[in-house]
Amino acid sequence: MAIPTESGRQTRRPGTELRRLILNAARELFAANGYGDTTTRQVAQRASVAEQSVFSHFGSKQGLYEAAVLEPFAAFVDAFTATWDDPVYEAAGLEAMTARYVEGLYDVVCANRDLFRALPADHVSHESTLGLFAVVERWVTPLVRANGYGFDPAIAVRSVFILVTTMAVLKDDLLPTRSREEITAELTGTLLNGLTRKRG
């Protein structure tokens, strides 16, 4: 999209800037109004871009929402999985890695609480989200096999996501006086007591 300069001539904004403006506008509107009551036209107006730019960059309203909500989660998963082959983390075991995962996910959701609060149920099972779960499963599965744990990686990964996300979203309503450290420590302990059970 072209923008006027002081000389009156117009210059084109780079695609990365347009994408950033659209995402910022979308996050504000989705957080304030929810998915159903936010339109691509409203997003375009908030971002001061043509509505066609929204479709050019994201394909659809659903694609825009997935990018707005899932990109922070995807960035966290990428950063988390990047350390899998690090000997320090590899030697830490399930307990330390679970604590790190719970704390990181909790922080991501808290930083984007209104967006996750507005997340429609059908988006949780969308292909993009399932792909992120599959990435985490690839880390969990070898630990299950190597240590003889009795949990199902697919169910466990999704359960952890739901538990941590729900607690982070509802923290101010359920535990307004509790700290981040208290909540994540309790979540980690609760999860580990179940995850580290051995097969009978």
N, C-alpha and C. Protein backbone atom coordinates (compact mmCIF):
# COMPACT_ATOMS: atom_id res chain seq x y z
N MET A 1 0.85 -1.19 0.00
CA MET A 1 0.00 0.00 0.00
C MET A 1 0.88 1.23 0.00
N ALA A 2 0.50 2.24 -0.78
CA ALA A 2 1.30 3.45 -0.88
C ALA A 2 0.95 4.43 0.23
N ILE A 3 1.95 5.14 0.72
CA ILE A 3 1.73 6.16 1.75
C ILE A 3 2.34 7.47 1.27
N PRO A 4 1.70 8.62 1.56
CA PRO A 4 2.21 9.90 1.08
C PRO A 4 3.46 10.32 1.84
N THR A 5 4.38 11.00 1.16
CA THR A 5 5.56 11.57 1.79
C THR A 5 5.35 13.08 1.90
N GLU A 6 6.33 13.76 2.53
CA GLU A 6 6.20 15.21 2.68
C GLU A 6 6.16 15.91 1.33
N SER A 7 6.78 15.34 0.32
CA SER A 7 6.79 15.95 -1.00
C SER A 7 5.51 15.68 -1.77
N GLY A 8 4.63 14.86 -1.19
CA GLY A 8 3.39 14.53 -1.87
C GLY A 8 3.47 13.26 -2.68
N ARG A 9 4.70 12.77 -2.90
CA ARG A 9 4.84 11.51 -3.62
C ARG A 9 4.49 10.35 -2.70
N GLN A 10 4.15 9.23 -3.27
CA GLN A 10 3.76 8.07 -2.48
C GLN A 10 4.83 6.99 -2.57
N THR A 11 5.08 6.38 -1.44
CA THR A 11 6.02 5.25 -1.40
C THR A 11 5.27 4.03 -0.91
N ARG A 12 5.76 2.88 -1.31
CA ARG A 12 5.11 1.64 -0.90
C ARG A 12 5.72 1.13 0.39
N ARG A 13 4.83 0.72 1.30
CA ARG A 13 5.31 0.11 2.53
C ARG A 13 5.71 -1.33 2.25
N PRO A 14 6.79 -1.80 2.83
CA PRO A 14 7.19 -3.20 2.59
C PRO A 14 6.17 -4.17 3.14
N GLY A 15 6.16 -5.37 2.54
CA GLY A 15 5.19 -6.38 2.96
C GLY A 15 5.29 -6.74 4.43
N THR A 16 6.51 -6.74 4.97
CA THR A 16 6.67 -7.08 6.39
C THR A 16 6.00 -6.04 7.28
N GLU A 17 6.07 -4.78 6.88
CA GLU A 17 5.42 -3.74 7.69
C GLU A 17 3.91 -3.85 7.60
N LEU A 18 3.40 -4.10 6.38
CA LEU A 18 1.95 -4.28 6.23
C LEU A 18 1.46 -5.45 7.08
N ARG A 19 2.21 -6.52 7.05
CA ARG A 19 1.82 -7.71 7.84
C ARG A 19 1.79 -7.38 9.33
N ARG A 20 2.80 -6.65 9.79
CA ARG A 20 2.86 -6.28 11.20
C ARG A 20 1.69 -5.38 11.58
N LEU A 21 1.37 -4.40 10.73
CA LEU A 21 0.26 -3.49 11.02
C LEU A 21 -1.07 -4.25 11.08
N ILE A 22 -1.25 -5.18 10.14
CA ILE A 22 -2.49 -5.96 10.10
C ILE A 22 -2.60 -6.84 11.34
N LEU A 23 -1.50 -7.52 11.69
CA LEU A 23 -1.53 -8.40 12.86
C LEU A 23 -1.79 -7.62 14.14
N ASN A 24 -1.16 -6.47 14.29
CA ASN A 24 -1.39 -5.66 15.50
C ASN A 24 -2.84 -5.24 15.60
N ALA A 25 -3.41 -4.79 14.48
CA ALA A 25 -4.81 -4.38 14.46
C ALA A 25 -5.72 -5.56 14.75
N ALA A 26 -5.42 -6.70 14.15
CA ALA A 26 -6.24 -7.89 14.36
C ALA A 26 -6.21 -8.32 15.81
N ARG A 27 -5.05 -8.32 16.42
CA ARG A 27 -4.94 -8.74 17.82
C ARG A 27 -5.76 -7.82 18.73
N GLU A 28 -5.71 -6.54 18.46
CA GLU A 28 -6.49 -5.58 19.27
C GLU A 28 -7.99 -5.85 19.12
N LEU A 29 -8.44 -6.04 17.89
CA LEU A 29 -9.87 -6.21 17.64
C LEU A 29 -10.37 -7.58 18.09
N PHE A 30 -9.62 -8.64 17.83
CA PHE A 30 -10.03 -9.97 18.28
C PHE A 30 -10.10 -10.02 19.81
N ALA A 31 -9.12 -9.39 20.46
CA ALA A 31 -9.11 -9.38 21.92
C ALA A 31 -10.29 -8.61 22.48
N ALA A 32 -10.65 -7.50 21.82
CA ALA A 32 -11.73 -6.66 22.32
C ALA A 32 -13.11 -7.21 21.96
N ASN A 33 -13.25 -7.75 20.75
CA ASN A 33 -14.58 -8.11 20.24
C ASN A 33 -14.81 -9.60 20.05
N GLY A 34 -13.76 -10.40 20.10
CA GLY A 34 -13.90 -11.82 19.81
C GLY A 34 -13.82 -12.09 18.32
N TYR A 35 -13.77 -13.35 17.97
CA TYR A 35 -13.62 -13.75 16.56
C TYR A 35 -14.86 -13.41 15.75
N GLY A 36 -16.04 -13.76 16.28
CA GLY A 36 -17.27 -13.62 15.52
C GLY A 36 -17.64 -12.19 15.20
N ASP A 37 -17.29 -11.27 16.10
CA ASP A 37 -17.71 -9.87 15.93
C ASP A 37 -16.62 -8.99 15.34
N THR A 38 -15.58 -9.58 14.83
CA THR A 38 -14.51 -8.82 14.17
C THR A 38 -14.52 -9.15 12.68
N THR A 39 -14.50 -8.13 11.85
CA THR A 39 -14.50 -8.33 10.40
C THR A 39 -13.14 -7.93 9.81
N THR A 40 -12.86 -8.46 8.63
CA THR A 40 -11.62 -8.09 7.97
C THR A 40 -11.63 -6.62 7.58
N ARG A 41 -12.79 -6.08 7.31
CA ARG A 41 -12.88 -4.65 6.98
C ARG A 41 -12.47 -3.81 8.19
N GLN A 42 -12.94 -4.20 9.37
CA GLN A 42 -12.56 -3.47 10.59
C GLN A 42 -11.05 -3.54 10.82
N VAL A 43 -10.49 -4.72 10.58
CA VAL A 43 -9.05 -4.88 10.77
C VAL A 43 -8.30 -3.98 9.80
N ALA A 44 -8.73 -3.97 8.54
CA ALA A 44 -8.07 -3.14 7.53
C ALA A 44 -8.16 -1.66 7.90
N GLN A 45 -9.32 -1.23 8.37
CA GLN A 45 -9.48 0.17 8.77
C GLN A 45 -8.58 0.52 9.94
N ARG A 46 -8.50 -0.38 10.94
CA ARG A 46 -7.66 -0.13 12.10
C ARG A 46 -6.18 -0.06 11.69
N ALA A 47 -5.80 -0.89 10.74
CA ALA A 47 -4.40 -0.93 10.29
C ALA A 47 -4.08 0.13 9.23
N SER A 48 -5.12 0.82 8.74
CA SER A 48 -4.97 1.82 7.67
C SER A 48 -4.38 1.20 6.41
N VAL A 49 -4.96 0.05 6.04
CA VAL A 49 -4.55 -0.62 4.80
C VAL A 49 -5.81 -0.99 4.02
N ALA A 50 -5.63 -1.37 2.77
CA ALA A 50 -6.75 -1.84 1.97
C ALA A 50 -7.16 -3.22 2.47
N GLU A 51 -8.46 -3.51 2.45
CA GLU A 51 -8.93 -4.81 2.92
C GLU A 51 -8.29 -5.95 2.11
N GLN A 52 -8.02 -5.70 0.84
CA GLN A 52 -7.40 -6.72 0.02
C GLN A 52 -6.03 -7.13 0.57
N SER A 53 -5.36 -6.21 1.25
CA SER A 53 -4.06 -6.54 1.84
C SER A 53 -4.19 -7.61 2.91
N VAL A 54 -5.31 -7.59 3.62
CA VAL A 54 -5.55 -8.62 4.64
C VAL A 54 -5.62 -9.99 3.98
N PHE A 55 -6.37 -10.07 2.88
CA PHE A 55 -6.52 -11.35 2.19
C PHE A 55 -5.22 -11.75 1.48
N SER A 56 -4.47 -10.78 0.98
CA SER A 56 -3.22 -11.09 0.29
C SER A 56 -2.21 -11.72 1.24
N HIS A 57 -2.20 -11.25 2.48
CA HIS A 57 -1.21 -11.73 3.44
C HIS A 57 -1.67 -12.97 4.22
N PHE A 58 -2.98 -13.09 4.43
CA PHE A 58 -3.46 -14.14 5.33
C PHE A 58 -4.51 -15.06 4.72
N GLY A 59 -5.00 -14.74 3.54
CA GLY A 59 -5.91 -15.62 2.83
C GLY A 59 -7.36 -15.51 3.23
N SER A 60 -7.63 -15.41 4.52
CA SER A 60 -9.00 -15.37 5.01
C SER A 60 -9.00 -14.83 6.44
N LYS A 61 -10.18 -14.59 6.95
CA LYS A 61 -10.30 -14.16 8.34
C LYS A 61 -9.76 -15.24 9.28
N GLN A 62 -10.04 -16.49 8.96
CA GLN A 62 -9.55 -17.58 9.80
C GLN A 62 -8.02 -17.63 9.77
N GLY A 63 -7.44 -17.46 8.59
CA GLY A 63 -5.99 -17.44 8.49
C GLY A 63 -5.37 -16.31 9.28
N LEU A 64 -6.04 -15.17 9.26
CA LEU A 64 -5.58 -14.02 10.04
C LEU A 64 -5.64 -14.32 11.53
N TYR A 65 -6.74 -14.93 11.96
CA TYR A 65 -6.89 -15.24 13.38
C TYR A 65 -5.84 -16.24 13.84
N GLU A 66 -5.61 -17.25 13.02
CA GLU A 66 -4.61 -18.24 13.38
C GLU A 66 -3.24 -17.60 13.54
N ALA A 67 -2.90 -16.69 12.61
CA ALA A 67 -1.61 -16.02 12.70
C ALA A 67 -1.55 -15.15 13.96
N ALA A 68 -2.62 -14.43 14.24
CA ALA A 68 -2.65 -13.52 15.38
C ALA A 68 -2.51 -14.27 16.70
N VAL A 69 -3.21 -15.40 16.82
CA VAL A 69 -3.24 -16.14 18.09
C VAL A 69 -2.12 -17.17 18.17
N LEU A 70 -1.90 -17.89 17.09
CA LEU A 70 -0.98 -19.03 17.16
C LEU A 70 0.48 -18.66 16.98
N GLU A 71 0.77 -17.52 16.35
CA GLU A 71 2.18 -17.19 16.15
C GLU A 71 2.96 -17.07 17.46
N PRO A 72 2.39 -16.45 18.52
CA PRO A 72 3.14 -16.44 19.79
C PRO A 72 3.39 -17.85 20.33
N PHE A 73 2.40 -18.74 20.22
CA PHE A 73 2.56 -20.11 20.67
C PHE A 73 3.58 -20.83 19.80
N ALA A 74 3.50 -20.62 18.48
CA ALA A 74 4.43 -21.26 17.56
C ALA A 74 5.87 -20.81 17.83
N ALA A 75 6.05 -19.51 18.12
CA ALA A 75 7.39 -19.00 18.42
C ALA A 75 7.94 -19.65 19.68
N PHE A 76 7.07 -19.83 20.67
CA PHE A 76 7.49 -20.49 21.91
C PHE A 76 7.88 -21.94 21.64
N VAL A 77 7.07 -22.66 20.88
CA VAL A 77 7.38 -24.06 20.56
C VAL A 77 8.70 -24.15 19.81
N ASP A 78 8.93 -23.24 18.86
CA ASP A 78 10.19 -23.24 18.10
C ASP A 78 11.38 -23.04 19.03
N ALA A 79 11.25 -22.08 19.94
CA ALA A 79 12.36 -21.81 20.87
C ALA A 79 12.59 -22.98 21.81
N PHE A 80 11.49 -23.59 22.25
CA PHE A 80 11.59 -24.72 23.17
C PHE A 80 12.25 -25.92 22.50
N THR A 81 11.80 -26.23 21.30
CA THR A 81 12.33 -27.41 20.61
C THR A 81 13.75 -27.19 20.11
N ALA A 82 14.17 -25.95 19.95
CA ALA A 82 15.52 -25.68 19.48
C ALA A 82 16.57 -26.15 20.47
N THR A 83 16.17 -26.36 21.73
CA THR A 83 17.13 -26.77 22.75
C THR A 83 17.12 -28.28 22.99
N TRP A 84 16.33 -29.03 22.23
CA TRP A 84 16.22 -30.47 22.48
C TRP A 84 17.56 -31.19 22.43
N ASP A 85 18.41 -30.79 21.51
CA ASP A 85 19.69 -31.48 21.35
C ASP A 85 20.79 -30.88 22.22
N ASP A 86 20.45 -29.87 22.99
CA ASP A 86 21.42 -29.28 23.90
C ASP A 86 21.68 -30.27 25.04
N PRO A 87 22.94 -30.69 25.24
CA PRO A 87 23.22 -31.69 26.29
C PRO A 87 22.73 -31.29 27.67
N VAL A 88 22.75 -30.00 27.97
CA VAL A 88 22.30 -29.53 29.28
C VAL A 88 20.83 -29.84 29.48
N TYR A 89 20.02 -29.54 28.48
CA TYR A 89 18.58 -29.80 28.59
C TYR A 89 18.28 -31.29 28.44
N GLU A 90 19.05 -31.95 27.58
CA GLU A 90 18.82 -33.37 27.36
C GLU A 90 19.05 -34.16 28.65
N ALA A 91 20.03 -33.72 29.43
CA ALA A 91 20.35 -34.40 30.69
C ALA A 91 19.40 -34.02 31.81
N ALA A 92 18.63 -32.96 31.60
CA ALA A 92 17.77 -32.45 32.68
C ALA A 92 16.62 -33.41 32.98
N GLY A 93 16.15 -34.14 31.97
CA GLY A 93 15.07 -35.09 32.18
C GLY A 93 13.69 -34.47 32.10
N LEU A 94 12.70 -35.34 32.26
CA LEU A 94 11.31 -34.93 32.10
C LEU A 94 10.90 -33.85 33.09
N GLU A 95 11.35 -33.96 34.34
CA GLU A 95 10.92 -33.03 35.37
C GLU A 95 11.31 -31.58 35.03
N ALA A 96 12.60 -31.38 34.72
CA ALA A 96 13.06 -30.03 34.42
C ALA A 96 12.47 -29.50 33.13
N MET A 97 12.35 -30.37 32.13
CA MET A 97 11.80 -29.92 30.85
C MET A 97 10.31 -29.60 30.97
N THR A 98 9.59 -30.37 31.79
CA THR A 98 8.18 -30.07 31.99
C THR A 98 8.01 -28.72 32.68
N ALA A 99 8.83 -28.47 33.68
CA ALA A 99 8.75 -27.18 34.38
C ALA A 99 9.03 -26.03 33.41
N ARG A 100 10.03 -26.22 32.56
CA ARG A 100 10.37 -25.18 31.60
C ARG A 100 9.25 -24.97 30.58
N TYR A 101 8.64 -26.05 30.15
CA TYR A 101 7.54 -25.96 29.19
C TYR A 101 6.33 -25.27 29.81
N VAL A 102 5.96 -25.68 31.03
CA VAL A 102 4.80 -25.09 31.71
C VAL A 102 5.02 -23.60 31.92
N GLU A 103 6.19 -23.22 32.41
CA GLU A 103 6.46 -21.81 32.66
C GLU A 103 6.43 -20.99 31.38
N GLY A 104 7.03 -21.52 30.32
CA GLY A 104 7.05 -20.80 29.05
C GLY A 104 5.68 -20.64 28.44
N LEU A 105 4.90 -21.72 28.44
CA LEU A 105 3.55 -21.66 27.89
C LEU A 105 2.67 -20.73 28.71
N TYR A 106 2.79 -20.80 30.02
CA TYR A 106 2.01 -19.92 30.90
C TYR A 106 2.32 -18.45 30.59
N ASP A 107 3.59 -18.14 30.41
CA ASP A 107 3.98 -16.75 30.12
C ASP A 107 3.44 -16.28 28.78
N VAL A 108 3.48 -17.16 27.77
CA VAL A 108 2.97 -16.79 26.45
C VAL A 108 1.47 -16.49 26.51
N VAL A 109 0.73 -17.34 27.20
CA VAL A 109 -0.71 -17.14 27.29
C VAL A 109 -1.04 -15.89 28.09
N CYS A 110 -0.34 -15.67 29.19
CA CYS A 110 -0.59 -14.46 29.99
C CYS A 110 -0.32 -13.19 29.18
N ALA A 111 0.70 -13.24 28.35
CA ALA A 111 1.04 -12.07 27.52
C ALA A 111 0.02 -11.83 26.42
N ASN A 112 -0.76 -12.86 26.09
CA ASN A 112 -1.77 -12.76 25.03
C ASN A 112 -3.13 -13.26 25.54
N ARG A 113 -3.42 -12.94 26.81
CA ARG A 113 -4.57 -13.54 27.49
C ARG A 113 -5.89 -13.29 26.78
N ASP A 114 -6.13 -12.05 26.35
CA ASP A 114 -7.41 -11.75 25.72
C ASP A 114 -7.59 -12.48 24.40
N LEU A 115 -6.49 -12.68 23.68
CA LEU A 115 -6.58 -13.43 22.43
C LEU A 115 -6.91 -14.89 22.69
N PHE A 116 -6.26 -15.49 23.67
CA PHE A 116 -6.54 -16.89 23.98
C PHE A 116 -7.94 -17.04 24.57
N ARG A 117 -8.39 -16.03 25.29
CA ARG A 117 -9.75 -16.08 25.86
C ARG A 117 -10.79 -16.10 24.74
N ALA A 118 -10.48 -15.44 23.63
CA ALA A 118 -11.42 -15.36 22.51
C ALA A 118 -11.26 -16.52 21.54
N LEU A 119 -10.35 -17.45 21.83
CA LEU A 119 -10.07 -18.56 20.91
C LEU A 119 -11.28 -19.47 20.76
N PRO A 120 -11.87 -19.57 19.56
CA PRO A 120 -13.01 -20.48 19.36
C PRO A 120 -12.57 -21.93 19.49
N ALA A 121 -13.46 -22.77 19.98
CA ALA A 121 -13.12 -24.18 20.22
C ALA A 121 -12.65 -24.87 18.95
N ASP A 122 -13.25 -24.53 17.79
CA ASP A 122 -12.88 -25.25 16.58
C ASP A 122 -11.47 -24.89 16.10
N HIS A 123 -10.92 -23.77 16.59
CA HIS A 123 -9.57 -23.41 16.20
C HIS A 123 -8.53 -24.21 16.98
N VAL A 124 -8.92 -24.72 18.14
CA VAL A 124 -7.98 -25.52 18.93
C VAL A 124 -7.64 -26.81 18.20
N SER A 125 -8.59 -27.33 17.44
CA SER A 125 -8.37 -28.58 16.72
C SER A 125 -8.00 -28.34 15.26
N HIS A 126 -7.68 -27.10 14.90
CA HIS A 126 -7.33 -26.81 13.51
C HIS A 126 -5.96 -27.39 13.17
N GLU A 127 -5.72 -27.60 11.90
CA GLU A 127 -4.49 -28.23 11.42
C GLU A 127 -3.24 -27.53 11.94
N SER A 128 -3.26 -26.20 11.99
CA SER A 128 -2.08 -25.46 12.45
C SER A 128 -1.77 -25.78 13.90
N THR A 129 -2.80 -25.81 14.74
CA THR A 129 -2.60 -26.10 16.15
C THR A 129 -2.14 -27.54 16.33
N LEU A 130 -2.78 -28.45 15.63
CA LEU A 130 -2.42 -29.87 15.74
C LEU A 130 -0.98 -30.09 15.31
N GLY A 131 -0.52 -29.32 14.33
CA GLY A 131 0.85 -29.44 13.89
C GLY A 131 1.84 -29.06 14.98
N LEU A 132 1.49 -28.03 15.77
CA LEU A 132 2.35 -27.63 16.88
C LEU A 132 2.35 -28.69 17.97
N PHE A 133 1.18 -29.27 18.24
CA PHE A 133 1.13 -30.35 19.22
C PHE A 133 2.02 -31.52 18.77
N ALA A 134 1.99 -31.82 17.47
CA ALA A 134 2.78 -32.94 16.96
C ALA A 134 4.27 -32.70 17.15
N VAL A 135 4.69 -31.45 17.03
CA VAL A 135 6.10 -31.12 17.26
C VAL A 135 6.50 -31.45 18.69
N VAL A 136 5.66 -31.07 19.65
CA VAL A 136 5.97 -31.33 21.06
C VAL A 136 5.93 -32.84 21.33
N GLU A 137 5.00 -33.54 20.70
CA GLU A 137 4.92 -35.00 20.88
C GLU A 137 6.22 -35.68 20.47
N ARG A 138 6.88 -35.14 19.44
CA ARG A 138 8.13 -35.75 18.98
C ARG A 138 9.22 -35.66 20.03
N TRP A 139 9.12 -34.67 20.92
CA TRP A 139 10.06 -34.58 22.04
C TRP A 139 9.64 -35.52 23.16
N VAL A 140 8.34 -35.60 23.42
CA VAL A 140 7.85 -36.37 24.56
C VAL A 140 7.98 -37.88 24.34
N THR A 141 7.68 -38.34 23.16
CA THR A 141 7.59 -39.79 22.90
C THR A 141 8.87 -40.56 23.26
N PRO A 142 10.06 -40.10 22.88
CA PRO A 142 11.27 -40.85 23.26
C PRO A 142 11.46 -40.93 24.78
N LEU A 143 11.06 -39.87 25.50
CA LEU A 143 11.18 -39.89 26.95
C LEU A 143 10.27 -40.95 27.56
N VAL A 144 9.07 -41.08 27.00
CA VAL A 144 8.13 -42.10 27.49
C VAL A 144 8.73 -43.49 27.31
N ARG A 145 9.25 -43.73 26.12
CA ARG A 145 9.80 -45.06 25.82
C ARG A 145 11.05 -45.36 26.66
N ALA A 146 11.94 -44.36 26.79
CA ALA A 146 13.20 -44.57 27.49
C ALA A 146 13.02 -44.80 28.99
N ASN A 147 11.97 -44.21 29.56
CA ASN A 147 11.80 -44.28 31.01
C ASN A 147 10.65 -45.17 31.46
N GLY A 148 9.93 -45.76 30.51
CA GLY A 148 8.84 -46.65 30.87
C GLY A 148 7.65 -45.95 31.50
N TYR A 149 7.46 -44.66 31.15
CA TYR A 149 6.31 -43.94 31.70
C TYR A 149 5.01 -44.50 31.13
N GLY A 150 3.92 -44.31 31.88
CA GLY A 150 2.66 -44.93 31.49
C GLY A 150 1.67 -44.00 30.83
N PHE A 151 2.12 -42.82 30.34
CA PHE A 151 1.14 -41.90 29.75
C PHE A 151 1.22 -41.90 28.23
N ASP A 152 0.12 -41.51 27.61
CA ASP A 152 0.00 -41.41 26.17
C ASP A 152 0.47 -40.01 25.74
N PRO A 153 1.54 -39.89 24.95
CA PRO A 153 2.07 -38.58 24.58
C PRO A 153 1.05 -37.65 23.93
N ALA A 154 0.24 -38.18 23.03
CA ALA A 154 -0.73 -37.34 22.32
C ALA A 154 -1.74 -36.73 23.29
N ILE A 155 -2.26 -37.55 24.19
CA ILE A 155 -3.24 -37.06 25.17
C ILE A 155 -2.57 -36.11 26.15
N ALA A 156 -1.37 -36.47 26.59
CA ALA A 156 -0.67 -35.65 27.59
C ALA A 156 -0.35 -34.26 27.06
N VAL A 157 0.14 -34.17 25.82
CA VAL A 157 0.50 -32.87 25.25
C VAL A 157 -0.71 -31.95 25.17
N ARG A 158 -1.84 -32.49 24.74
CA ARG A 158 -3.05 -31.69 24.63
C ARG A 158 -3.61 -31.33 26.01
N SER A 159 -3.51 -32.26 26.94
CA SER A 159 -4.00 -32.00 28.30
C SER A 159 -3.20 -30.88 28.97
N VAL A 160 -1.88 -30.93 28.79
CA VAL A 160 -1.03 -29.89 29.36
C VAL A 160 -1.38 -28.53 28.77
N PHE A 161 -1.58 -28.50 27.45
CA PHE A 161 -1.93 -27.24 26.79
C PHE A 161 -3.24 -26.68 27.36
N ILE A 162 -4.25 -27.53 27.49
CA ILE A 162 -5.55 -27.09 27.99
C ILE A 162 -5.45 -26.63 29.44
N LEU A 163 -4.76 -27.39 30.26
CA LEU A 163 -4.64 -27.06 31.68
C LEU A 163 -3.91 -25.74 31.89
N VAL A 164 -2.74 -25.62 31.28
CA VAL A 164 -1.93 -24.41 31.47
C VAL A 164 -2.61 -23.20 30.85
N THR A 165 -3.15 -23.37 29.65
CA THR A 165 -3.82 -22.25 28.99
C THR A 165 -5.03 -21.77 29.78
N THR A 166 -5.84 -22.70 30.24
CA THR A 166 -7.03 -22.33 31.02
C THR A 166 -6.65 -21.61 32.30
N MET A 167 -5.63 -22.10 33.00
CA MET A 167 -5.20 -21.46 34.24
C MET A 167 -4.67 -20.05 33.98
N ALA A 168 -3.90 -19.89 32.90
CA ALA A 168 -3.36 -18.58 32.58
C ALA A 168 -4.47 -17.60 32.20
N VAL A 169 -5.44 -18.07 31.42
CA VAL A 169 -6.54 -17.20 30.99
C VAL A 169 -7.41 -16.77 32.17
N LEU A 170 -7.65 -17.71 33.09
CA LEU A 170 -8.58 -17.45 34.20
C LEU A 170 -7.88 -17.08 35.51
N LYS A 171 -6.59 -16.89 35.48
CA LYS A 171 -5.83 -16.63 36.69
C LYS A 171 -6.41 -15.50 37.53
N ASP A 172 -6.72 -14.38 36.91
CA ASP A 172 -7.23 -13.23 37.66
C ASP A 172 -8.58 -13.50 38.30
N ASP A 173 -9.36 -14.40 37.72
CA ASP A 173 -10.66 -14.74 38.28
C ASP A 173 -10.54 -15.81 39.35
N LEU A 174 -9.66 -16.79 39.13
CA LEU A 174 -9.58 -17.93 40.04
C LEU A 174 -8.58 -17.74 41.16
N LEU A 175 -7.43 -17.13 40.85
CA LEU A 175 -6.36 -17.01 41.85
C LEU A 175 -5.71 -15.63 41.76
N PRO A 176 -6.47 -14.59 42.03
CA PRO A 176 -5.94 -13.23 41.84
C PRO A 176 -4.76 -12.88 42.73
N THR A 177 -4.61 -13.55 43.87
CA THR A 177 -3.54 -13.19 44.80
C THR A 177 -2.31 -14.09 44.67
N ARG A 178 -2.38 -15.09 43.81
CA ARG A 178 -1.26 -16.03 43.69
C ARG A 178 -0.29 -15.57 42.61
N SER A 179 0.98 -15.83 42.84
CA SER A 179 2.02 -15.39 41.91
C SER A 179 2.18 -16.37 40.75
N ARG A 180 2.86 -15.91 39.75
CA ARG A 180 3.19 -16.76 38.61
C ARG A 180 4.00 -17.96 39.06
N GLU A 181 4.95 -17.74 39.98
CA GLU A 181 5.80 -18.82 40.46
C GLU A 181 4.99 -19.87 41.21
N GLU A 182 4.07 -19.44 42.04
CA GLU A 182 3.24 -20.39 42.78
C GLU A 182 2.39 -21.24 41.85
N ILE A 183 1.78 -20.58 40.88
CA ILE A 183 0.87 -21.29 39.97
C ILE A 183 1.62 -22.27 39.09
N THR A 184 2.73 -21.83 38.48
CA THR A 184 3.45 -22.73 37.58
C THR A 184 4.09 -23.90 38.34
N ALA A 185 4.53 -23.65 39.57
CA ALA A 185 5.10 -24.74 40.37
C ALA A 185 4.04 -25.78 40.69
N GLU A 186 2.84 -25.34 41.02
CA GLU A 186 1.76 -26.28 41.33
C GLU A 186 1.32 -27.04 40.10
N LEU A 187 1.22 -26.34 38.99
CA LEU A 187 0.86 -27.00 37.73
C LEU A 187 1.90 -28.06 37.36
N THR A 188 3.16 -27.70 37.48
CA THR A 188 4.22 -28.64 37.13
C THR A 188 4.19 -29.86 38.04
N GLY A 189 4.02 -29.64 39.35
CA GLY A 189 3.97 -30.75 40.28
C GLY A 189 2.79 -31.67 40.02
N THR A 190 1.64 -31.08 39.76
CA THR A 190 0.45 -31.87 39.48
C THR A 190 0.64 -32.72 38.22
N LEU A 191 1.19 -32.10 37.21
CA LEU A 191 1.41 -32.82 35.95
C LEU A 191 2.43 -33.94 36.12
N LEU A 192 3.52 -33.65 36.78
CA LEU A 192 4.57 -34.66 36.93
C LEU A 192 4.13 -35.85 37.75
N ASN A 193 3.30 -35.61 38.76
CA ASN A 193 2.82 -36.73 39.57
C ASN A 193 2.02 -37.72 38.71
N GLY A 194 1.39 -37.21 37.66
CA GLY A 194 0.66 -38.09 36.76
C GLY A 194 1.54 -38.63 35.65
N LEU A 195 2.40 -37.77 35.09
CA LEU A 195 3.19 -38.16 33.94
C LEU A 195 4.27 -39.19 34.28
N THR A 196 4.81 -39.13 35.50
CA THR A 196 5.92 -40.02 35.84
C THR A 196 5.48 -41.35 36.40
N ARG A 197 4.19 -41.63 36.39
CA ARG A 197 3.75 -42.96 36.84
C ARG A 197 4.29 -44.01 35.87
N LYS A 198 4.67 -45.12 36.39
CA LYS A 198 5.23 -46.19 35.58
C LYS A 198 4.12 -47.15 35.13
N ARG A 199 4.38 -47.83 34.05
CA ARG A 199 3.41 -48.82 33.57
C ARG A 199 3.32 -49.99 34.55
N GLY A 200 2.11 -50.49 34.75
CA GLY A 200 1.92 -51.60 35.70
C GLY A 200 2.37 -52.94 35.14
